[in-house]
Amino acid sequence: MTRRTVIVGVGAGAACFKAVAVASLLTQAELTVRVFLSPDAHAFVAPLSFVAVTGQPVVDSVRSVEPDGLASHLIQASAFVLVPATAGLIARVAHGMASDAVSLAALGAPDLRFFCPAMNDRMWNNPLVQANVARLEDAGWKRIGPDVGRLAEGYEAPGRMAEPEVIVRELTTALAGD
């Protein structure tokens, strides 16, 4: 039996540490997990963290190529998740921009695709961000979160990324029904 593949697209932000937990939990659920890192995500988490929990190489360039010669952003997957989905990453994907490995791969994402917003409450409530969120949802992306909770700024408000266990439960449930 072939293991199903999930692509985890990682945006930059304080919630990056949760992306490592998501990748680990998906791997423990016996899925093959391929991680794509946005350039700024490197400031928050090292690619080696993802290699350690998935056993797979990390893609962080639009020029990455698989051992079989296929462009990495064309990897066949059963599901795709953006975690954390920052305001900038949501905007790039919502407008079809392919300026980094994550947004490029998102253009070829399978029908089962999720995004997990994580940002400051003022950003989350910005009409431009909400318009981009609506654009993704209208295009068939399923949103997980954000939650109300403690933000990086030190206070509680909407914008906290959903917990890894919640994200993984949503993904595995959707995959089971697929």
N, C-alpha and C. Protein backbone atom coordinates (compact mmCIF):
# COMPACT_ATOMS: atom_id res chain seq x y z
N MET A 1 0.84 -1.18 0.00
CA MET A 1 0.00 0.00 0.00
C MET A 1 0.89 1.24 0.00
N THR A 2 0.58 2.18 -0.88
CA THR A 2 1.35 3.41 -0.97
C THR A 2 0.87 4.40 0.08
N ARG A 3 1.82 5.02 0.76
CA ARG A 3 1.47 6.03 1.76
C ARG A 3 1.02 7.29 1.05
N ARG A 4 0.03 7.94 1.61
CA ARG A 4 -0.45 9.20 1.06
C ARG A 4 0.52 10.31 1.44
N THR A 5 0.62 11.29 0.57
CA THR A 5 1.53 12.41 0.78
C THR A 5 0.77 13.68 1.12
N VAL A 6 1.26 14.39 2.11
CA VAL A 6 0.73 15.70 2.48
C VAL A 6 1.87 16.70 2.34
N ILE A 7 1.59 17.81 1.66
CA ILE A 7 2.57 18.90 1.58
C ILE A 7 2.23 19.92 2.65
N VAL A 8 3.24 20.27 3.44
CA VAL A 8 3.10 21.28 4.48
C VAL A 8 3.89 22.50 4.01
N GLY A 9 3.18 23.58 3.68
CA GLY A 9 3.81 24.83 3.27
C GLY A 9 3.94 25.73 4.48
N VAL A 10 5.18 26.10 4.82
CA VAL A 10 5.44 26.83 6.06
C VAL A 10 5.73 28.30 5.77
N GLY A 11 4.88 29.16 6.31
CA GLY A 11 5.11 30.60 6.24
C GLY A 11 5.95 31.04 7.42
N ALA A 12 6.39 32.28 7.38
CA ALA A 12 7.24 32.82 8.44
C ALA A 12 6.37 33.40 9.55
N GLY A 13 6.77 33.22 10.77
CA GLY A 13 6.04 33.79 11.88
C GLY A 13 6.32 33.06 13.17
N ALA A 14 5.87 33.64 14.25
CA ALA A 14 6.13 33.07 15.56
C ALA A 14 5.53 31.68 15.72
N ALA A 15 4.51 31.35 14.93
CA ALA A 15 3.86 30.04 15.04
C ALA A 15 4.59 28.94 14.27
N CYS A 16 5.75 29.22 13.70
CA CYS A 16 6.49 28.20 12.94
C CYS A 16 6.78 26.95 13.75
N PHE A 17 6.99 27.11 15.05
CA PHE A 17 7.29 25.93 15.87
C PHE A 17 6.13 24.94 15.83
N LYS A 18 4.90 25.44 15.66
CA LYS A 18 3.75 24.54 15.56
C LYS A 18 3.78 23.77 14.24
N ALA A 19 4.38 24.32 13.21
CA ALA A 19 4.47 23.63 11.93
C ALA A 19 5.31 22.36 12.08
N VAL A 20 6.35 22.42 12.90
CA VAL A 20 7.17 21.23 13.14
C VAL A 20 6.31 20.16 13.82
N ALA A 21 5.49 20.56 14.78
CA ALA A 21 4.62 19.61 15.46
C ALA A 21 3.59 19.02 14.49
N VAL A 22 3.04 19.85 13.60
CA VAL A 22 2.08 19.35 12.60
C VAL A 22 2.76 18.30 11.72
N ALA A 23 3.95 18.61 11.23
CA ALA A 23 4.68 17.67 10.37
C ALA A 23 4.97 16.37 11.11
N SER A 24 5.34 16.47 12.37
CA SER A 24 5.62 15.28 13.16
C SER A 24 4.37 14.43 13.36
N LEU A 25 3.26 15.06 13.73
CA LEU A 25 2.02 14.33 13.96
C LEU A 25 1.49 13.68 12.67
N LEU A 26 1.63 14.37 11.55
CA LEU A 26 1.20 13.78 10.27
C LEU A 26 2.07 12.57 9.93
N THR A 27 3.36 12.66 10.20
CA THR A 27 4.26 11.53 9.96
C THR A 27 3.89 10.35 10.87
N GLN A 28 3.57 10.64 12.13
CA GLN A 28 3.16 9.60 13.06
C GLN A 28 1.84 8.96 12.63
N ALA A 29 1.03 9.70 11.86
CA ALA A 29 -0.23 9.15 11.33
C ALA A 29 0.02 8.34 10.06
N GLU A 30 1.28 8.02 9.81
CA GLU A 30 1.70 7.19 8.68
C GLU A 30 1.43 7.83 7.31
N LEU A 31 1.62 9.15 7.26
CA LEU A 31 1.56 9.88 6.00
C LEU A 31 2.97 10.29 5.62
N THR A 32 3.23 10.38 4.34
CA THR A 32 4.50 10.94 3.88
C THR A 32 4.32 12.45 3.88
N VAL A 33 5.22 13.15 4.54
CA VAL A 33 5.10 14.59 4.68
C VAL A 33 6.27 15.27 3.97
N ARG A 34 5.94 16.14 3.04
CA ARG A 34 6.93 16.96 2.34
C ARG A 34 6.74 18.39 2.78
N VAL A 35 7.79 19.01 3.24
CA VAL A 35 7.74 20.37 3.76
C VAL A 35 8.36 21.34 2.77
N PHE A 36 7.64 22.44 2.52
CA PHE A 36 8.12 23.54 1.70
C PHE A 36 8.23 24.75 2.61
N LEU A 37 9.40 25.38 2.63
CA LEU A 37 9.63 26.53 3.50
C LEU A 37 9.68 27.82 2.69
N SER A 38 8.99 28.85 3.19
CA SER A 38 9.14 30.17 2.59
C SER A 38 10.50 30.73 3.01
N PRO A 39 11.06 31.66 2.25
CA PRO A 39 12.40 32.17 2.59
C PRO A 39 12.51 32.72 4.01
N ASP A 40 11.51 33.47 4.46
CA ASP A 40 11.60 34.08 5.78
C ASP A 40 11.35 33.09 6.91
N ALA A 41 10.81 31.91 6.61
CA ALA A 41 10.59 30.91 7.66
C ALA A 41 11.92 30.44 8.27
N HIS A 42 13.00 30.53 7.49
CA HIS A 42 14.33 30.14 7.99
C HIS A 42 14.73 30.92 9.23
N ALA A 43 14.21 32.13 9.39
CA ALA A 43 14.54 32.94 10.56
C ALA A 43 13.90 32.39 11.83
N PHE A 44 12.87 31.55 11.66
CA PHE A 44 12.13 31.03 12.80
C PHE A 44 12.39 29.57 13.09
N VAL A 45 12.68 28.78 12.04
CA VAL A 45 12.84 27.34 12.22
C VAL A 45 13.82 26.81 11.17
N ALA A 46 14.65 25.88 11.57
CA ALA A 46 15.65 25.31 10.66
C ALA A 46 15.06 24.16 9.86
N PRO A 47 15.43 24.05 8.59
CA PRO A 47 14.97 22.91 7.78
C PRO A 47 15.26 21.57 8.43
N LEU A 48 16.38 21.47 9.12
CA LEU A 48 16.76 20.21 9.77
C LEU A 48 15.71 19.73 10.77
N SER A 49 14.99 20.66 11.39
CA SER A 49 13.92 20.26 12.31
C SER A 49 12.86 19.45 11.58
N PHE A 50 12.53 19.86 10.37
CA PHE A 50 11.52 19.13 9.59
C PHE A 50 12.07 17.81 9.05
N VAL A 51 13.33 17.81 8.65
CA VAL A 51 13.95 16.57 8.18
C VAL A 51 13.94 15.55 9.31
N ALA A 52 14.23 16.00 10.52
CA ALA A 52 14.28 15.10 11.68
C ALA A 52 12.93 14.45 11.96
N VAL A 53 11.82 15.19 11.78
CA VAL A 53 10.51 14.61 12.13
C VAL A 53 9.82 13.93 10.96
N THR A 54 10.25 14.21 9.72
CA THR A 54 9.58 13.60 8.55
C THR A 54 10.44 12.57 7.83
N GLY A 55 11.75 12.70 7.96
CA GLY A 55 12.65 11.82 7.21
C GLY A 55 12.71 12.17 5.74
N GLN A 56 12.21 13.33 5.38
CA GLN A 56 12.16 13.77 3.98
C GLN A 56 12.94 15.07 3.81
N PRO A 57 13.49 15.31 2.61
CA PRO A 57 14.17 16.58 2.37
C PRO A 57 13.17 17.73 2.36
N VAL A 58 13.65 18.91 2.69
CA VAL A 58 12.84 20.13 2.71
C VAL A 58 13.06 20.88 1.40
N VAL A 59 12.00 21.45 0.86
CA VAL A 59 12.08 22.25 -0.36
C VAL A 59 11.99 23.72 0.04
N ASP A 60 12.99 24.49 -0.33
CA ASP A 60 12.95 25.91 0.02
C ASP A 60 13.37 26.82 -1.13
N SER A 61 13.32 26.28 -2.33
CA SER A 61 13.69 27.07 -3.51
C SER A 61 12.73 26.75 -4.65
N VAL A 62 12.43 27.75 -5.45
CA VAL A 62 11.57 27.51 -6.62
C VAL A 62 12.30 26.68 -7.67
N ARG A 63 13.60 26.51 -7.51
CA ARG A 63 14.39 25.73 -8.46
C ARG A 63 14.70 24.32 -7.97
N SER A 64 14.09 23.89 -6.87
CA SER A 64 14.36 22.56 -6.34
C SER A 64 13.86 21.48 -7.29
N VAL A 65 14.66 20.41 -7.39
CA VAL A 65 14.35 19.30 -8.27
C VAL A 65 14.44 18.00 -7.47
N GLU A 66 13.50 17.10 -7.71
CA GLU A 66 13.48 15.80 -7.05
C GLU A 66 14.53 14.89 -7.70
N PRO A 67 14.90 13.78 -7.03
CA PRO A 67 15.89 12.86 -7.60
C PRO A 67 15.49 12.32 -8.99
N ASP A 68 14.19 12.22 -9.26
CA ASP A 68 13.76 11.72 -10.57
C ASP A 68 13.76 12.80 -11.65
N GLY A 69 14.17 14.02 -11.28
CA GLY A 69 14.25 15.12 -12.23
C GLY A 69 13.01 15.99 -12.28
N LEU A 70 11.95 15.60 -11.58
CA LEU A 70 10.72 16.38 -11.55
C LEU A 70 10.91 17.63 -10.69
N ALA A 71 10.38 18.74 -11.13
CA ALA A 71 10.43 19.95 -10.32
C ALA A 71 9.69 19.69 -9.01
N SER A 72 10.29 20.07 -7.89
CA SER A 72 9.74 19.74 -6.58
C SER A 72 8.32 20.27 -6.38
N HIS A 73 8.02 21.42 -6.96
CA HIS A 73 6.68 21.99 -6.73
C HIS A 73 5.58 21.20 -7.45
N LEU A 74 5.97 20.20 -8.24
CA LEU A 74 5.00 19.36 -8.94
C LEU A 74 4.78 18.01 -8.27
N ILE A 75 5.28 17.84 -7.05
CA ILE A 75 5.09 16.61 -6.29
C ILE A 75 3.60 16.31 -6.19
N GLN A 76 3.24 15.07 -6.46
CA GLN A 76 1.84 14.65 -6.33
C GLN A 76 1.53 14.44 -4.85
N ALA A 77 0.43 15.02 -4.40
CA ALA A 77 0.05 14.91 -3.00
C ALA A 77 -1.46 14.73 -2.88
N SER A 78 -1.87 14.19 -1.75
CA SER A 78 -3.30 14.02 -1.45
C SER A 78 -3.89 15.25 -0.80
N ALA A 79 -3.04 16.00 -0.07
CA ALA A 79 -3.50 17.20 0.63
C ALA A 79 -2.36 18.20 0.73
N PHE A 80 -2.74 19.43 0.95
CA PHE A 80 -1.79 20.54 1.07
C PHE A 80 -2.27 21.42 2.21
N VAL A 81 -1.35 21.85 3.09
CA VAL A 81 -1.74 22.74 4.19
C VAL A 81 -0.70 23.84 4.35
N LEU A 82 -1.18 25.07 4.49
CA LEU A 82 -0.32 26.22 4.79
C LEU A 82 -0.37 26.45 6.29
N VAL A 83 0.82 26.34 6.93
CA VAL A 83 0.87 26.42 8.38
C VAL A 83 2.22 26.96 8.85
N PRO A 84 2.34 28.11 9.43
CA PRO A 84 1.30 29.09 9.61
C PRO A 84 1.05 29.87 8.31
N ALA A 85 -0.21 30.21 8.11
CA ALA A 85 -0.58 31.02 6.95
C ALA A 85 -0.57 32.48 7.40
N THR A 86 0.51 33.15 7.11
CA THR A 86 0.66 34.55 7.49
C THR A 86 -0.12 35.44 6.52
N ALA A 87 -0.28 36.69 6.86
CA ALA A 87 -0.99 37.63 5.99
C ALA A 87 -0.31 37.69 4.62
N GLY A 88 1.01 37.73 4.60
CA GLY A 88 1.75 37.80 3.34
C GLY A 88 1.59 36.54 2.51
N LEU A 89 1.65 35.39 3.14
CA LEU A 89 1.51 34.12 2.41
C LEU A 89 0.08 33.96 1.89
N ILE A 90 -0.90 34.32 2.70
CA ILE A 90 -2.29 34.26 2.24
C ILE A 90 -2.46 35.16 1.01
N ALA A 91 -1.89 36.36 1.05
CA ALA A 91 -2.01 37.28 -0.09
C ALA A 91 -1.36 36.71 -1.34
N ARG A 92 -0.16 36.14 -1.20
CA ARG A 92 0.53 35.59 -2.37
C ARG A 92 -0.28 34.45 -2.99
N VAL A 93 -0.77 33.55 -2.17
CA VAL A 93 -1.53 32.40 -2.68
C VAL A 93 -2.87 32.87 -3.26
N ALA A 94 -3.55 33.77 -2.57
CA ALA A 94 -4.86 34.25 -3.03
C ALA A 94 -4.77 34.93 -4.39
N HIS A 95 -3.62 35.50 -4.70
CA HIS A 95 -3.46 36.22 -5.96
C HIS A 95 -2.61 35.47 -6.97
N GLY A 96 -2.35 34.19 -6.70
CA GLY A 96 -1.67 33.35 -7.67
C GLY A 96 -0.22 33.71 -7.90
N MET A 97 0.42 34.33 -6.92
CA MET A 97 1.83 34.69 -7.06
C MET A 97 2.69 33.47 -6.74
N ALA A 98 3.73 33.29 -7.50
CA ALA A 98 4.62 32.13 -7.32
C ALA A 98 6.03 32.61 -7.04
N SER A 99 6.16 33.46 -6.04
CA SER A 99 7.44 34.11 -5.77
C SER A 99 8.35 33.32 -4.84
N ASP A 100 7.87 32.24 -4.25
CA ASP A 100 8.69 31.41 -3.37
C ASP A 100 8.23 29.97 -3.50
N ALA A 101 8.94 29.04 -2.88
CA ALA A 101 8.63 27.62 -3.02
C ALA A 101 7.23 27.28 -2.53
N VAL A 102 6.80 27.92 -1.45
CA VAL A 102 5.48 27.60 -0.88
C VAL A 102 4.36 28.08 -1.79
N SER A 103 4.40 29.34 -2.20
CA SER A 103 3.32 29.86 -3.05
C SER A 103 3.33 29.19 -4.42
N LEU A 104 4.50 28.83 -4.92
CA LEU A 104 4.59 28.11 -6.19
C LEU A 104 3.92 26.74 -6.07
N ALA A 105 4.23 26.01 -5.02
CA ALA A 105 3.63 24.69 -4.82
C ALA A 105 2.12 24.80 -4.60
N ALA A 106 1.68 25.87 -3.95
CA ALA A 106 0.25 26.06 -3.70
C ALA A 106 -0.54 26.18 -4.99
N LEU A 107 0.08 26.70 -6.04
CA LEU A 107 -0.61 26.82 -7.33
C LEU A 107 -0.95 25.45 -7.91
N GLY A 108 -0.19 24.44 -7.56
CA GLY A 108 -0.44 23.08 -8.04
C GLY A 108 -1.02 22.17 -6.97
N ALA A 109 -1.55 22.77 -5.90
CA ALA A 109 -2.07 21.98 -4.78
C ALA A 109 -3.24 21.11 -5.21
N PRO A 110 -3.38 19.95 -4.56
CA PRO A 110 -4.52 19.07 -4.87
C PRO A 110 -5.83 19.73 -4.42
N ASP A 111 -6.94 19.08 -4.71
CA ASP A 111 -8.25 19.63 -4.34
C ASP A 111 -8.44 19.75 -2.84
N LEU A 112 -7.78 18.92 -2.07
CA LEU A 112 -7.89 18.95 -0.61
C LEU A 112 -6.78 19.88 -0.08
N ARG A 113 -7.17 21.12 0.23
CA ARG A 113 -6.17 22.11 0.64
C ARG A 113 -6.71 22.97 1.79
N PHE A 114 -5.81 23.25 2.72
CA PHE A 114 -6.15 23.95 3.95
C PHE A 114 -5.19 25.10 4.19
N PHE A 115 -5.65 26.09 4.95
CA PHE A 115 -4.75 27.12 5.43
C PHE A 115 -5.09 27.45 6.87
N CYS A 116 -4.04 27.70 7.65
CA CYS A 116 -4.16 27.90 9.09
C CYS A 116 -3.60 29.27 9.44
N PRO A 117 -4.47 30.30 9.42
CA PRO A 117 -4.01 31.66 9.67
C PRO A 117 -3.37 31.82 11.04
N ALA A 118 -2.36 32.68 11.07
CA ALA A 118 -1.67 33.03 12.32
C ALA A 118 -1.07 34.42 12.13
N MET A 119 -1.60 35.37 12.91
CA MET A 119 -1.09 36.74 12.81
C MET A 119 -1.65 37.58 13.94
N ASN A 120 -1.14 38.77 14.04
CA ASN A 120 -1.62 39.75 14.99
C ASN A 120 -3.10 40.04 14.73
N ASP A 121 -3.86 40.32 15.78
CA ASP A 121 -5.30 40.57 15.61
C ASP A 121 -5.60 41.77 14.72
N ARG A 122 -4.76 42.78 14.75
CA ARG A 122 -5.00 43.94 13.89
C ARG A 122 -4.83 43.54 12.43
N MET A 123 -3.85 42.69 12.16
CA MET A 123 -3.67 42.19 10.80
C MET A 123 -4.85 41.30 10.41
N TRP A 124 -5.24 40.37 11.29
CA TRP A 124 -6.33 39.45 10.99
C TRP A 124 -7.61 40.22 10.66
N ASN A 125 -7.88 41.29 11.38
CA ASN A 125 -9.10 42.06 11.18
C ASN A 125 -9.01 43.08 10.04
N ASN A 126 -7.86 43.20 9.42
CA ASN A 126 -7.70 44.15 8.32
C ASN A 126 -8.58 43.72 7.14
N PRO A 127 -9.34 44.64 6.56
CA PRO A 127 -10.21 44.29 5.44
C PRO A 127 -9.48 43.66 4.25
N LEU A 128 -8.25 44.05 4.01
CA LEU A 128 -7.48 43.47 2.90
C LEU A 128 -7.16 42.00 3.18
N VAL A 129 -6.79 41.69 4.42
CA VAL A 129 -6.53 40.30 4.79
C VAL A 129 -7.81 39.50 4.70
N GLN A 130 -8.91 40.04 5.21
CA GLN A 130 -10.19 39.33 5.15
C GLN A 130 -10.64 39.09 3.71
N ALA A 131 -10.34 40.03 2.82
CA ALA A 131 -10.67 39.84 1.40
C ALA A 131 -9.85 38.69 0.81
N ASN A 132 -8.58 38.60 1.19
CA ASN A 132 -7.73 37.51 0.70
C ASN A 132 -8.16 36.17 1.28
N VAL A 133 -8.58 36.15 2.54
CA VAL A 133 -9.09 34.93 3.16
C VAL A 133 -10.33 34.47 2.39
N ALA A 134 -11.24 35.39 2.12
CA ALA A 134 -12.46 35.06 1.37
C ALA A 134 -12.12 34.55 -0.02
N ARG A 135 -11.11 35.13 -0.63
CA ARG A 135 -10.69 34.70 -1.98
C ARG A 135 -10.22 33.25 -1.95
N LEU A 136 -9.41 32.89 -0.93
CA LEU A 136 -8.96 31.49 -0.81
C LEU A 136 -10.14 30.56 -0.56
N GLU A 137 -11.02 30.95 0.36
CA GLU A 137 -12.17 30.10 0.66
C GLU A 137 -13.05 29.92 -0.58
N ASP A 138 -13.24 30.99 -1.35
CA ASP A 138 -14.03 30.90 -2.58
C ASP A 138 -13.38 29.98 -3.60
N ALA A 139 -12.06 29.84 -3.52
CA ALA A 139 -11.32 28.96 -4.43
C ALA A 139 -11.25 27.52 -3.90
N GLY A 140 -11.94 27.23 -2.81
CA GLY A 140 -11.99 25.86 -2.30
C GLY A 140 -11.03 25.53 -1.18
N TRP A 141 -10.26 26.52 -0.71
CA TRP A 141 -9.37 26.28 0.43
C TRP A 141 -10.21 26.23 1.70
N LYS A 142 -9.90 25.28 2.59
CA LYS A 142 -10.59 25.17 3.87
C LYS A 142 -9.73 25.84 4.94
N ARG A 143 -10.37 26.69 5.73
CA ARG A 143 -9.65 27.43 6.78
C ARG A 143 -9.79 26.69 8.10
N ILE A 144 -8.65 26.57 8.80
CA ILE A 144 -8.62 26.03 10.15
C ILE A 144 -8.11 27.15 11.05
N GLY A 145 -8.98 27.72 11.88
CA GLY A 145 -8.62 28.83 12.74
C GLY A 145 -8.79 30.16 12.03
N PRO A 146 -8.27 31.20 12.62
CA PRO A 146 -7.45 31.23 13.83
C PRO A 146 -8.30 31.18 15.10
N ASP A 147 -7.62 30.94 16.20
CA ASP A 147 -8.27 30.89 17.50
C ASP A 147 -8.07 32.21 18.24
N VAL A 148 -8.83 32.39 19.29
CA VAL A 148 -8.57 33.47 20.23
C VAL A 148 -7.61 32.91 21.25
N GLY A 149 -6.52 33.59 21.51
CA GLY A 149 -5.55 33.11 22.47
C GLY A 149 -4.40 34.09 22.61
N ARG A 150 -3.40 33.68 23.34
CA ARG A 150 -2.24 34.55 23.58
C ARG A 150 -1.43 34.68 22.29
N LEU A 151 -1.25 35.92 21.88
CA LEU A 151 -0.46 36.23 20.69
C LEU A 151 0.98 36.54 21.08
N ALA A 152 1.85 36.60 20.08
CA ALA A 152 3.27 36.90 20.32
C ALA A 152 3.45 38.24 21.01
N GLU A 153 2.48 39.14 20.84
CA GLU A 153 2.56 40.47 21.45
C GLU A 153 2.29 40.45 22.95
N GLY A 154 1.82 39.30 23.47
CA GLY A 154 1.65 39.16 24.91
C GLY A 154 0.24 39.37 25.41
N TYR A 155 -0.74 39.45 24.54
CA TYR A 155 -2.13 39.60 24.99
C TYR A 155 -3.00 38.60 24.23
N GLU A 156 -4.22 38.41 24.72
CA GLU A 156 -5.15 37.47 24.08
C GLU A 156 -6.04 38.20 23.09
N ALA A 157 -6.17 37.58 21.92
CA ALA A 157 -6.99 38.16 20.85
C ALA A 157 -7.12 37.13 19.74
N PRO A 158 -8.00 37.37 18.78
CA PRO A 158 -8.08 36.47 17.62
C PRO A 158 -6.82 36.59 16.77
N GLY A 159 -6.37 35.47 16.23
CA GLY A 159 -5.19 35.48 15.38
C GLY A 159 -4.22 34.36 15.72
N ARG A 160 -4.42 33.70 16.85
CA ARG A 160 -3.54 32.60 17.25
C ARG A 160 -3.81 31.38 16.37
N MET A 161 -2.74 30.78 15.86
CA MET A 161 -2.90 29.62 15.01
C MET A 161 -3.52 28.47 15.78
N ALA A 162 -4.37 27.69 15.11
CA ALA A 162 -4.97 26.50 15.71
C ALA A 162 -3.86 25.57 16.21
N GLU A 163 -4.18 24.77 17.19
CA GLU A 163 -3.20 23.85 17.76
C GLU A 163 -2.92 22.71 16.77
N PRO A 164 -1.69 22.20 16.77
CA PRO A 164 -1.30 21.13 15.83
C PRO A 164 -2.25 19.94 15.83
N GLU A 165 -2.71 19.51 17.01
CA GLU A 165 -3.60 18.35 17.08
C GLU A 165 -4.92 18.62 16.35
N VAL A 166 -5.42 19.83 16.43
CA VAL A 166 -6.66 20.20 15.74
C VAL A 166 -6.44 20.17 14.23
N ILE A 167 -5.34 20.73 13.79
CA ILE A 167 -5.01 20.77 12.36
C ILE A 167 -4.89 19.35 11.81
N VAL A 168 -4.15 18.52 12.51
CA VAL A 168 -3.93 17.14 12.05
C VAL A 168 -5.24 16.36 12.05
N ARG A 169 -6.08 16.56 13.06
CA ARG A 169 -7.38 15.89 13.09
C ARG A 169 -8.23 16.29 11.88
N GLU A 170 -8.25 17.57 11.54
CA GLU A 170 -9.01 18.06 10.37
C GLU A 170 -8.48 17.41 9.09
N LEU A 171 -7.16 17.38 8.93
CA LEU A 171 -6.56 16.80 7.74
C LEU A 171 -6.82 15.32 7.63
N THR A 172 -6.58 14.58 8.70
CA THR A 172 -6.74 13.13 8.63
C THR A 172 -8.21 12.74 8.44
N THR A 173 -9.12 13.50 9.04
CA THR A 173 -10.55 13.25 8.84
C THR A 173 -10.91 13.47 7.37
N ALA A 174 -10.43 14.56 6.80
CA ALA A 174 -10.70 14.86 5.38
C ALA A 174 -10.09 13.79 4.48
N LEU A 175 -8.89 13.35 4.81
CA LEU A 175 -8.24 12.30 3.99
C LEU A 175 -9.00 10.98 4.08
N ALA A 176 -9.54 10.68 5.26
CA ALA A 176 -10.29 9.43 5.44
C ALA A 176 -11.57 9.44 4.61
N GLY A 177 -12.14 10.62 4.41
CA GLY A 177 -13.36 10.74 3.63
C GLY A 177 -13.12 10.92 2.15
N ASP A 178 -11.86 11.05 1.77
CA ASP A 178 -11.49 11.30 0.37
C ASP A 178 -11.46 10.02 -0.43
